[in-house]
């Protein structure tokens, strides 16, 4: 590791590293596993090399905190992508033109339809008109005699409730709604 020039009594990067490394890893371990903590702290030192200000302690602890938060954001994005891929794989596995099944939504025994049956009556009716009959928001509002905004609000509430029910039932976040 290159050392920062010593001027005005400032510590070198190596000295700062040796002084704070253990404490920073300990701090990061509050959020992540020890190996990840070491990796994140090392990343902070690599990115901050020769840029560490005079208040090194607070700067480094804040940097490690931010690095841990970034780590969790990346994990969340990865998890969402994996869940979407799993759903697509499940959907593809279900697709069978010989039996007429082209979507999980078309399966009468589907947990999606079971979850729809748990919705309040008005929400359920709107969801059925939208997904069984393929109606658009203005058509649904005309048929039911309610405003388009009410239809959109009811669909939003229904989709939110269905995601929660299906997430618990399958452990899969369905993003096709």
N, C-alpha and C. Protein backbone atom coordinates (compact mmCIF):
# COMPACT_ATOMS: atom_id res chain seq x y z
N UNK A 1 0.85 -1.17 0.00
CA UNK A 1 0.00 0.00 0.00
C UNK A 1 0.89 1.23 0.00
N UNK A 2 0.62 2.15 -0.91
CA UNK A 2 1.40 3.38 -0.94
C UNK A 2 1.03 4.24 0.25
N UNK A 3 2.00 4.99 0.71
CA UNK A 3 1.74 5.85 1.84
C UNK A 3 1.49 7.27 1.37
N UNK A 4 0.61 7.94 2.07
CA UNK A 4 0.32 9.33 1.80
C UNK A 4 1.48 10.16 2.35
N UNK A 5 1.81 11.19 1.66
CA UNK A 5 2.93 12.03 2.10
C UNK A 5 2.65 12.62 3.47
N UNK A 6 3.68 12.65 4.31
CA UNK A 6 3.54 13.21 5.65
C UNK A 6 3.80 14.70 5.57
N UNK A 7 2.73 15.46 5.76
CA UNK A 7 2.89 16.91 5.77
C UNK A 7 2.00 17.48 6.86
N UNK A 8 2.50 18.43 7.56
CA UNK A 8 1.78 19.09 8.65
C UNK A 8 1.36 18.10 9.74
N UNK A 9 2.16 17.09 9.98
CA UNK A 9 1.88 16.13 11.04
C UNK A 9 0.75 15.17 10.73
N UNK A 10 0.31 15.07 9.49
CA UNK A 10 -0.76 14.14 9.12
C UNK A 10 -0.23 12.71 9.11
N UNK A 11 -1.11 11.78 9.39
CA UNK A 11 -0.73 10.38 9.36
C UNK A 11 -0.70 9.88 7.92
N UNK A 12 0.08 8.84 7.68
CA UNK A 12 0.09 8.22 6.37
C UNK A 12 -1.12 7.32 6.24
N UNK A 13 -1.46 6.96 5.01
CA UNK A 13 -2.60 6.07 4.77
C UNK A 13 -2.37 4.73 5.48
N UNK A 14 -1.14 4.25 5.46
CA UNK A 14 -0.82 2.98 6.12
C UNK A 14 -1.05 3.09 7.62
N UNK A 15 -0.66 4.21 8.21
CA UNK A 15 -0.87 4.39 9.65
C UNK A 15 -2.37 4.45 9.98
N UNK A 16 -3.10 5.16 9.16
CA UNK A 16 -4.56 5.23 9.37
C UNK A 16 -5.18 3.85 9.21
N UNK A 17 -4.75 3.11 8.21
CA UNK A 17 -5.25 1.75 7.98
C UNK A 17 -5.01 0.91 9.23
N UNK A 18 -3.81 0.89 9.76
CA UNK A 18 -3.49 0.06 10.93
C UNK A 18 -4.24 0.54 12.18
N UNK A 19 -4.46 1.82 12.27
CA UNK A 19 -5.15 2.36 13.43
C UNK A 19 -6.64 2.03 13.44
N UNK A 20 -7.29 2.07 12.27
CA UNK A 20 -8.76 1.95 12.22
C UNK A 20 -9.28 0.62 11.67
N UNK A 21 -8.47 -0.16 11.03
CA UNK A 21 -8.95 -1.36 10.33
C UNK A 21 -9.79 -2.27 11.24
N UNK A 22 -9.25 -2.66 12.37
CA UNK A 22 -9.96 -3.60 13.26
C UNK A 22 -11.30 -3.02 13.73
N UNK A 23 -11.28 -1.74 14.10
CA UNK A 23 -12.53 -1.11 14.58
C UNK A 23 -13.56 -1.02 13.45
N UNK A 24 -13.10 -0.73 12.25
CA UNK A 24 -14.03 -0.63 11.11
C UNK A 24 -14.62 -1.99 10.75
N UNK A 25 -13.80 -3.03 10.80
CA UNK A 25 -14.31 -4.38 10.53
C UNK A 25 -15.33 -4.76 11.60
N UNK A 26 -15.02 -4.45 12.86
CA UNK A 26 -15.97 -4.73 13.94
C UNK A 26 -17.29 -4.00 13.74
N UNK A 27 -17.21 -2.74 13.31
CA UNK A 27 -18.41 -1.96 13.04
C UNK A 27 -19.21 -2.58 11.89
N UNK A 28 -18.52 -2.94 10.82
CA UNK A 28 -19.21 -3.53 9.66
C UNK A 28 -19.84 -4.87 10.01
N UNK A 29 -19.24 -5.60 10.96
CA UNK A 29 -19.78 -6.91 11.37
C UNK A 29 -21.15 -6.78 12.04
N UNK A 30 -21.50 -5.58 12.48
CA UNK A 30 -22.84 -5.35 13.04
C UNK A 30 -23.90 -5.50 11.95
N UNK A 31 -23.48 -5.33 10.69
CA UNK A 31 -24.43 -5.34 9.59
C UNK A 31 -24.29 -6.57 8.69
N UNK A 32 -23.06 -7.04 8.51
CA UNK A 32 -22.79 -8.12 7.55
C UNK A 32 -21.91 -9.17 8.20
N UNK A 33 -21.70 -10.29 7.50
CA UNK A 33 -20.84 -11.34 8.01
C UNK A 33 -19.38 -10.88 8.01
N UNK A 34 -18.51 -11.53 8.81
CA UNK A 34 -17.11 -11.08 8.94
C UNK A 34 -16.33 -11.00 7.63
N UNK A 35 -16.49 -11.97 6.75
CA UNK A 35 -15.74 -11.93 5.49
C UNK A 35 -16.18 -10.75 4.63
N UNK A 36 -17.48 -10.53 4.55
CA UNK A 36 -17.99 -9.39 3.78
C UNK A 36 -17.54 -8.08 4.44
N UNK A 37 -17.52 -8.05 5.77
CA UNK A 37 -17.08 -6.85 6.49
C UNK A 37 -15.64 -6.51 6.10
N UNK A 38 -14.77 -7.51 6.10
CA UNK A 38 -13.37 -7.26 5.71
C UNK A 38 -13.29 -6.74 4.29
N UNK A 39 -14.04 -7.35 3.39
CA UNK A 39 -14.03 -6.91 1.99
C UNK A 39 -14.50 -5.47 1.85
N UNK A 40 -15.57 -5.13 2.55
CA UNK A 40 -16.12 -3.78 2.45
C UNK A 40 -15.15 -2.74 3.02
N UNK A 41 -14.52 -3.06 4.15
CA UNK A 41 -13.57 -2.13 4.75
C UNK A 41 -12.37 -1.94 3.82
N UNK A 42 -11.90 -3.02 3.23
CA UNK A 42 -10.78 -2.90 2.29
C UNK A 42 -11.19 -2.05 1.08
N UNK A 43 -12.42 -2.23 0.61
CA UNK A 43 -12.92 -1.41 -0.50
C UNK A 43 -12.92 0.07 -0.13
N UNK A 44 -13.32 0.38 1.10
CA UNK A 44 -13.34 1.77 1.55
C UNK A 44 -11.92 2.35 1.51
N UNK A 45 -10.95 1.58 2.00
CA UNK A 45 -9.58 2.09 2.00
C UNK A 45 -9.03 2.24 0.58
N UNK A 46 -9.39 1.34 -0.30
CA UNK A 46 -8.94 1.45 -1.69
C UNK A 46 -9.52 2.70 -2.33
N UNK A 47 -10.81 2.94 -2.12
CA UNK A 47 -11.46 4.10 -2.72
C UNK A 47 -11.01 5.41 -2.09
N UNK A 48 -10.66 5.37 -0.80
CA UNK A 48 -10.30 6.59 -0.08
C UNK A 48 -8.80 6.85 -0.08
N UNK A 49 -8.04 5.98 -0.69
CA UNK A 49 -6.59 6.11 -0.67
C UNK A 49 -6.15 7.52 -1.08
N UNK A 50 -5.33 8.11 -0.26
CA UNK A 50 -4.80 9.47 -0.46
C UNK A 50 -5.88 10.55 -0.43
N UNK A 51 -7.10 10.21 -0.03
CA UNK A 51 -8.16 11.22 0.05
C UNK A 51 -8.74 11.29 1.46
N UNK A 52 -8.12 10.64 2.43
CA UNK A 52 -8.66 10.60 3.78
C UNK A 52 -8.43 11.96 4.44
N UNK A 53 -9.50 12.61 4.89
CA UNK A 53 -9.36 13.94 5.50
C UNK A 53 -8.77 13.85 6.91
N UNK A 54 -8.58 14.98 7.52
CA UNK A 54 -7.99 15.05 8.86
C UNK A 54 -8.84 14.32 9.89
N UNK A 55 -10.16 14.38 9.75
CA UNK A 55 -11.06 13.67 10.68
C UNK A 55 -11.28 12.25 10.15
N UNK A 56 -10.22 11.48 10.09
CA UNK A 56 -10.23 10.15 9.47
C UNK A 56 -11.27 9.22 10.09
N UNK A 57 -11.39 9.24 11.40
CA UNK A 57 -12.29 8.30 12.08
C UNK A 57 -13.73 8.43 11.62
N UNK A 58 -14.29 9.63 11.72
CA UNK A 58 -15.70 9.80 11.33
C UNK A 58 -15.88 9.57 9.83
N UNK A 59 -14.92 10.00 9.04
CA UNK A 59 -15.00 9.79 7.59
C UNK A 59 -15.02 8.30 7.26
N UNK A 60 -14.13 7.54 7.87
CA UNK A 60 -14.05 6.10 7.57
C UNK A 60 -15.27 5.34 8.08
N UNK A 61 -15.75 5.67 9.28
CA UNK A 61 -16.93 4.97 9.79
C UNK A 61 -18.16 5.28 8.93
N UNK A 62 -18.30 6.52 8.50
CA UNK A 62 -19.43 6.87 7.63
C UNK A 62 -19.28 6.16 6.29
N UNK A 63 -18.06 6.07 5.78
CA UNK A 63 -17.82 5.39 4.50
C UNK A 63 -18.16 3.91 4.60
N UNK A 64 -17.80 3.28 5.71
CA UNK A 64 -18.12 1.85 5.91
C UNK A 64 -19.63 1.68 6.03
N UNK A 65 -20.27 2.59 6.76
CA UNK A 65 -21.74 2.53 6.88
C UNK A 65 -22.39 2.61 5.50
N UNK A 66 -21.95 3.56 4.69
CA UNK A 66 -22.51 3.72 3.34
C UNK A 66 -22.20 2.51 2.46
N UNK A 67 -21.02 1.95 2.61
CA UNK A 67 -20.63 0.78 1.83
C UNK A 67 -21.53 -0.42 2.20
N UNK A 68 -21.86 -0.57 3.48
CA UNK A 68 -22.77 -1.64 3.91
C UNK A 68 -24.17 -1.42 3.33
N UNK A 69 -24.63 -0.18 3.34
CA UNK A 69 -25.95 0.13 2.77
C UNK A 69 -25.96 -0.18 1.28
N UNK A 70 -24.90 0.18 0.57
CA UNK A 70 -24.80 -0.14 -0.86
C UNK A 70 -24.83 -1.65 -1.08
N UNK A 71 -24.16 -2.37 -0.20
CA UNK A 71 -24.11 -3.84 -0.29
C UNK A 71 -25.54 -4.40 -0.21
N UNK A 72 -26.33 -3.90 0.73
CA UNK A 72 -27.70 -4.40 0.88
C UNK A 72 -28.58 -4.00 -0.30
N UNK A 73 -28.36 -2.82 -0.86
CA UNK A 73 -29.12 -2.42 -2.05
C UNK A 73 -28.80 -3.35 -3.22
N UNK A 74 -27.53 -3.68 -3.40
CA UNK A 74 -27.16 -4.61 -4.47
C UNK A 74 -27.78 -5.98 -4.26
N UNK A 75 -27.81 -6.44 -3.00
CA UNK A 75 -28.43 -7.73 -2.70
C UNK A 75 -29.93 -7.70 -3.02
N UNK A 76 -30.59 -6.60 -2.71
CA UNK A 76 -32.02 -6.49 -2.98
C UNK A 76 -32.30 -6.53 -4.48
N UNK A 77 -31.49 -5.84 -5.26
CA UNK A 77 -31.66 -5.85 -6.71
C UNK A 77 -31.43 -7.27 -7.24
N UNK A 78 -30.40 -7.92 -6.73
CA UNK A 78 -30.10 -9.29 -7.16
C UNK A 78 -31.26 -10.23 -6.80
N UNK A 79 -31.79 -10.08 -5.59
CA UNK A 79 -32.89 -10.94 -5.14
C UNK A 79 -34.12 -10.74 -6.03
N UNK A 80 -34.42 -9.49 -6.35
CA UNK A 80 -35.57 -9.20 -7.20
C UNK A 80 -35.39 -9.85 -8.57
N UNK A 81 -34.19 -9.73 -9.13
CA UNK A 81 -33.92 -10.33 -10.44
C UNK A 81 -34.07 -11.84 -10.37
N UNK A 82 -33.53 -12.47 -9.34
CA UNK A 82 -33.63 -13.92 -9.20
C UNK A 82 -35.09 -14.35 -9.07
N UNK A 83 -35.88 -13.61 -8.29
CA UNK A 83 -37.29 -13.95 -8.14
C UNK A 83 -38.04 -13.84 -9.46
N UNK A 84 -37.73 -12.81 -10.24
CA UNK A 84 -38.37 -12.65 -11.54
C UNK A 84 -37.99 -13.80 -12.47
N UNK A 85 -36.73 -14.18 -12.45
CA UNK A 85 -36.28 -15.30 -13.29
C UNK A 85 -36.96 -16.59 -12.86
N UNK A 86 -37.09 -16.80 -11.55
CA UNK A 86 -37.77 -18.01 -11.06
C UNK A 86 -39.22 -18.05 -11.52
N UNK A 87 -39.89 -16.89 -11.47
CA UNK A 87 -41.28 -16.87 -11.92
C UNK A 87 -41.37 -17.18 -13.41
N UNK A 88 -40.48 -16.59 -14.19
CA UNK A 88 -40.49 -16.85 -15.63
C UNK A 88 -40.23 -18.33 -15.90
N UNK A 89 -39.29 -18.94 -15.17
CA UNK A 89 -39.03 -20.36 -15.33
C UNK A 89 -40.26 -21.20 -14.95
N UNK A 90 -40.93 -20.80 -13.87
CA UNK A 90 -42.14 -21.50 -13.46
C UNK A 90 -43.22 -21.35 -14.52
N UNK A 91 -43.34 -20.16 -15.06
CA UNK A 91 -44.31 -19.89 -16.11
C UNK A 91 -43.99 -20.73 -17.35
N UNK A 92 -42.71 -20.79 -17.73
CA UNK A 92 -42.31 -21.58 -18.90
C UNK A 92 -42.55 -23.07 -18.68
N UNK A 93 -42.30 -23.53 -17.46
CA UNK A 93 -42.52 -24.94 -17.16
C UNK A 93 -44.02 -25.28 -17.25
N UNK A 94 -44.87 -24.32 -16.92
CA UNK A 94 -46.30 -24.55 -16.96
C UNK A 94 -46.84 -24.50 -18.39
N UNK A 95 -46.19 -23.71 -19.25
CA UNK A 95 -46.65 -23.54 -20.62
C UNK A 95 -46.68 -24.88 -21.34
N UNK A 96 -47.85 -25.26 -21.82
CA UNK A 96 -48.00 -26.50 -22.55
C UNK A 96 -49.16 -26.33 -23.53
N UNK A 97 -48.84 -26.07 -24.79
CA UNK A 97 -49.91 -25.83 -25.77
C UNK A 97 -50.83 -27.03 -25.95
N UNK A 98 -50.33 -28.25 -25.70
CA UNK A 98 -51.15 -29.44 -25.86
C UNK A 98 -52.33 -29.46 -24.88
N UNK A 99 -52.12 -28.97 -23.67
CA UNK A 99 -53.19 -28.95 -22.68
C UNK A 99 -53.96 -27.64 -22.70
N UNK A 100 -53.47 -26.69 -23.47
CA UNK A 100 -54.15 -25.40 -23.55
C UNK A 100 -53.68 -24.41 -22.50
N UNK A 101 -52.78 -24.82 -21.63
CA UNK A 101 -52.27 -23.90 -20.62
C UNK A 101 -51.19 -23.02 -21.24
N UNK A 102 -51.43 -21.74 -21.21
CA UNK A 102 -50.43 -20.81 -21.73
C UNK A 102 -49.95 -19.85 -20.65
N UNK A 103 -50.55 -19.90 -19.48
CA UNK A 103 -50.13 -19.02 -18.40
C UNK A 103 -50.56 -19.61 -17.07
N UNK A 104 -49.80 -19.31 -16.03
CA UNK A 104 -50.19 -19.74 -14.69
C UNK A 104 -51.54 -19.15 -14.30
N UNK A 105 -51.84 -17.97 -14.83
CA UNK A 105 -53.12 -17.34 -14.52
C UNK A 105 -54.29 -18.12 -15.08
N UNK A 106 -54.05 -18.92 -16.11
CA UNK A 106 -55.14 -19.66 -16.72
C UNK A 106 -55.45 -20.97 -16.00
N UNK A 107 -54.60 -21.37 -15.09
CA UNK A 107 -54.85 -22.62 -14.36
C UNK A 107 -55.96 -22.38 -13.35
N UNK A 108 -57.04 -23.15 -13.43
CA UNK A 108 -58.14 -22.93 -12.50
C UNK A 108 -57.73 -23.19 -11.06
N UNK A 109 -56.77 -24.09 -10.86
CA UNK A 109 -56.34 -24.41 -9.50
C UNK A 109 -55.25 -23.45 -9.01
N UNK A 110 -54.96 -22.48 -9.83
CA UNK A 110 -53.88 -21.54 -9.54
C UNK A 110 -54.12 -20.80 -8.23
N UNK A 111 -53.05 -20.64 -7.48
CA UNK A 111 -53.16 -19.90 -6.23
C UNK A 111 -53.43 -18.42 -6.49
N UNK A 112 -53.17 -17.97 -7.72
CA UNK A 112 -53.48 -16.58 -8.07
C UNK A 112 -54.99 -16.38 -7.98
N UNK A 113 -55.75 -17.29 -8.56
CA UNK A 113 -57.20 -17.14 -8.51
C UNK A 113 -57.73 -17.35 -7.11
N UNK A 114 -57.10 -18.21 -6.34
CA UNK A 114 -57.51 -18.39 -4.95
C UNK A 114 -57.27 -17.09 -4.17
N UNK A 115 -56.17 -16.42 -4.45
CA UNK A 115 -55.88 -15.15 -3.79
C UNK A 115 -56.87 -14.07 -4.24
N UNK A 116 -57.26 -14.09 -5.49
CA UNK A 116 -58.24 -13.13 -6.00
C UNK A 116 -59.58 -13.32 -5.28
N UNK A 117 -59.94 -14.55 -5.00
CA UNK A 117 -61.20 -14.82 -4.29
C UNK A 117 -61.20 -14.24 -2.88
N UNK A 118 -60.02 -13.97 -2.32
CA UNK A 118 -59.93 -13.39 -0.98
C UNK A 118 -60.10 -11.87 -0.98
N UNK A 119 -60.11 -11.27 -2.15
CA UNK A 119 -60.25 -9.81 -2.24
C UNK A 119 -61.67 -9.38 -1.87
N UNK A 120 -61.84 -8.13 -1.45
CA UNK A 120 -63.19 -7.60 -1.23
C UNK A 120 -63.98 -7.68 -2.54
N UNK A 121 -65.30 -7.79 -2.47
CA UNK A 121 -66.13 -8.02 -3.66
C UNK A 121 -65.90 -7.02 -4.80
N UNK A 122 -65.84 -5.73 -4.50
CA UNK A 122 -65.68 -4.73 -5.56
C UNK A 122 -64.31 -4.86 -6.21
N UNK A 123 -63.27 -5.05 -5.40
CA UNK A 123 -61.90 -5.24 -5.92
C UNK A 123 -61.86 -6.49 -6.80
N UNK A 124 -62.44 -7.55 -6.31
CA UNK A 124 -62.44 -8.83 -7.04
C UNK A 124 -63.12 -8.66 -8.40
N UNK A 125 -64.24 -7.95 -8.42
CA UNK A 125 -64.96 -7.74 -9.66
C UNK A 125 -64.12 -6.94 -10.66
N UNK A 126 -63.45 -5.91 -10.18
CA UNK A 126 -62.60 -5.09 -11.05
C UNK A 126 -61.43 -5.91 -11.59
N UNK A 127 -60.81 -6.70 -10.74
CA UNK A 127 -59.68 -7.54 -11.17
C UNK A 127 -60.14 -8.56 -12.21
N UNK A 128 -61.29 -9.16 -11.98
CA UNK A 128 -61.80 -10.14 -12.94
C UNK A 128 -62.11 -9.48 -14.29
N UNK A 129 -62.73 -8.30 -14.26
CA UNK A 129 -63.01 -7.61 -15.52
C UNK A 129 -61.71 -7.27 -16.26
N UNK A 130 -60.70 -6.89 -15.52
CA UNK A 130 -59.43 -6.50 -16.14
C UNK A 130 -58.69 -7.72 -16.69
N UNK A 131 -58.55 -8.78 -15.89
CA UNK A 131 -57.68 -9.89 -16.28
C UNK A 131 -58.40 -11.07 -16.92
N UNK A 132 -59.66 -11.29 -16.60
CA UNK A 132 -60.40 -12.36 -17.27
C UNK A 132 -60.98 -11.89 -18.59
N UNK A 133 -61.52 -10.66 -18.58
CA UNK A 133 -62.21 -10.15 -19.76
C UNK A 133 -61.35 -9.19 -20.58
N UNK A 134 -60.19 -8.80 -20.02
CA UNK A 134 -59.27 -7.95 -20.76
C UNK A 134 -59.74 -6.52 -20.95
N UNK A 135 -60.63 -6.05 -20.08
CA UNK A 135 -61.14 -4.69 -20.21
C UNK A 135 -60.12 -3.67 -19.74
N UNK A 136 -60.17 -2.50 -20.34
CA UNK A 136 -59.32 -1.38 -19.95
C UNK A 136 -60.04 -0.55 -18.89
N UNK A 137 -59.30 0.32 -18.24
CA UNK A 137 -59.84 1.13 -17.15
C UNK A 137 -61.11 1.90 -17.54
N UNK A 138 -61.14 2.60 -18.69
CA UNK A 138 -62.37 3.33 -19.04
C UNK A 138 -63.58 2.40 -19.24
N UNK A 139 -63.34 1.24 -19.81
CA UNK A 139 -64.43 0.27 -20.02
C UNK A 139 -64.98 -0.22 -18.69
N UNK A 140 -64.08 -0.52 -17.76
CA UNK A 140 -64.51 -0.99 -16.43
C UNK A 140 -65.30 0.09 -15.72
N UNK A 141 -64.83 1.33 -15.80
CA UNK A 141 -65.54 2.42 -15.12
C UNK A 141 -66.94 2.62 -15.70
N UNK A 142 -67.08 2.43 -17.02
CA UNK A 142 -68.39 2.56 -17.66
C UNK A 142 -69.31 1.43 -17.22
N UNK A 143 -68.81 0.19 -17.26
CA UNK A 143 -69.62 -0.97 -16.89
C UNK A 143 -70.08 -0.90 -15.44
N UNK A 144 -69.19 -0.49 -14.54
CA UNK A 144 -69.53 -0.47 -13.11
C UNK A 144 -70.12 0.86 -12.66
N UNK A 145 -70.08 1.88 -13.52
CA UNK A 145 -70.64 3.18 -13.16
C UNK A 145 -69.82 3.90 -12.10
N UNK A 146 -68.50 3.73 -12.13
CA UNK A 146 -67.62 4.41 -11.19
C UNK A 146 -66.55 5.17 -11.99
N UNK A 147 -65.82 6.05 -11.33
CA UNK A 147 -64.81 6.84 -12.04
C UNK A 147 -63.59 5.98 -12.39
N UNK A 148 -62.88 6.43 -13.41
CA UNK A 148 -61.65 5.73 -13.81
C UNK A 148 -60.63 5.74 -12.68
N UNK A 149 -60.58 6.82 -11.95
CA UNK A 149 -59.64 6.93 -10.82
C UNK A 149 -59.96 5.89 -9.76
N UNK A 150 -61.24 5.65 -9.50
CA UNK A 150 -61.63 4.63 -8.53
C UNK A 150 -61.20 3.25 -9.01
N UNK A 151 -61.36 2.98 -10.29
CA UNK A 151 -60.92 1.70 -10.86
C UNK A 151 -59.42 1.54 -10.65
N UNK A 152 -58.64 2.57 -10.97
CA UNK A 152 -57.18 2.51 -10.81
C UNK A 152 -56.79 2.29 -9.35
N UNK A 153 -57.47 3.00 -8.45
CA UNK A 153 -57.17 2.86 -7.02
C UNK A 153 -57.48 1.44 -6.54
N UNK A 154 -58.63 0.92 -6.96
CA UNK A 154 -59.01 -0.44 -6.56
C UNK A 154 -58.04 -1.48 -7.12
N UNK A 155 -57.61 -1.29 -8.37
CA UNK A 155 -56.63 -2.20 -8.96
C UNK A 155 -55.31 -2.14 -8.20
N UNK A 156 -54.88 -0.94 -7.85
CA UNK A 156 -53.64 -0.78 -7.10
C UNK A 156 -53.72 -1.52 -5.76
N UNK A 157 -54.83 -1.31 -5.03
CA UNK A 157 -55.00 -1.97 -3.74
C UNK A 157 -55.06 -3.49 -3.90
N UNK A 158 -55.74 -3.94 -4.93
CA UNK A 158 -55.86 -5.38 -5.18
C UNK A 158 -54.49 -5.99 -5.49
N UNK A 159 -53.72 -5.34 -6.35
CA UNK A 159 -52.41 -5.87 -6.72
C UNK A 159 -51.47 -5.91 -5.52
N UNK A 160 -51.56 -4.89 -4.68
CA UNK A 160 -50.73 -4.84 -3.48
C UNK A 160 -51.08 -6.01 -2.55
N UNK A 161 -52.37 -6.24 -2.36
CA UNK A 161 -52.82 -7.33 -1.50
C UNK A 161 -52.45 -8.68 -2.11
N UNK A 162 -52.62 -8.82 -3.42
CA UNK A 162 -52.29 -10.09 -4.08
C UNK A 162 -50.80 -10.39 -3.99
N UNK A 163 -49.97 -9.38 -4.18
CA UNK A 163 -48.52 -9.59 -4.06
C UNK A 163 -48.17 -10.13 -2.68
N UNK A 164 -48.75 -9.53 -1.64
CA UNK A 164 -48.46 -9.96 -0.28
C UNK A 164 -48.92 -11.38 -0.03
N UNK A 165 -50.13 -11.70 -0.47
CA UNK A 165 -50.67 -13.05 -0.28
C UNK A 165 -49.82 -14.08 -1.03
N UNK A 166 -49.51 -13.80 -2.28
CA UNK A 166 -48.76 -14.74 -3.10
C UNK A 166 -47.31 -14.85 -2.65
N UNK A 167 -46.77 -13.77 -2.16
CA UNK A 167 -45.39 -13.78 -1.66
C UNK A 167 -45.30 -14.73 -0.47
N UNK A 168 -46.26 -14.65 0.41
CA UNK A 168 -46.27 -15.55 1.57
C UNK A 168 -46.54 -16.98 1.15
N UNK A 169 -47.42 -17.16 0.19
CA UNK A 169 -47.79 -18.51 -0.23
C UNK A 169 -46.67 -19.22 -0.99
N UNK A 170 -45.98 -18.51 -1.83
CA UNK A 170 -44.98 -19.15 -2.69
C UNK A 170 -43.55 -18.70 -2.44
N UNK A 171 -43.39 -17.64 -1.70
CA UNK A 171 -42.05 -17.11 -1.53
C UNK A 171 -41.54 -16.47 -2.80
N UNK A 172 -42.45 -16.14 -3.72
CA UNK A 172 -42.08 -15.53 -4.99
C UNK A 172 -42.79 -14.19 -5.10
N UNK A 173 -42.07 -13.18 -5.48
CA UNK A 173 -42.68 -11.88 -5.72
C UNK A 173 -43.09 -11.83 -7.17
N UNK A 174 -44.39 -11.78 -7.39
CA UNK A 174 -44.90 -11.79 -8.76
C UNK A 174 -44.99 -10.37 -9.27
N UNK A 175 -44.19 -10.05 -10.26
CA UNK A 175 -44.15 -8.70 -10.78
C UNK A 175 -44.91 -8.53 -12.08
N UNK A 176 -45.75 -9.50 -12.42
CA UNK A 176 -46.44 -9.38 -13.70
C UNK A 176 -47.70 -8.57 -13.58
N UNK A 177 -48.12 -8.19 -12.38
CA UNK A 177 -49.34 -7.39 -12.22
C UNK A 177 -49.03 -5.95 -12.46
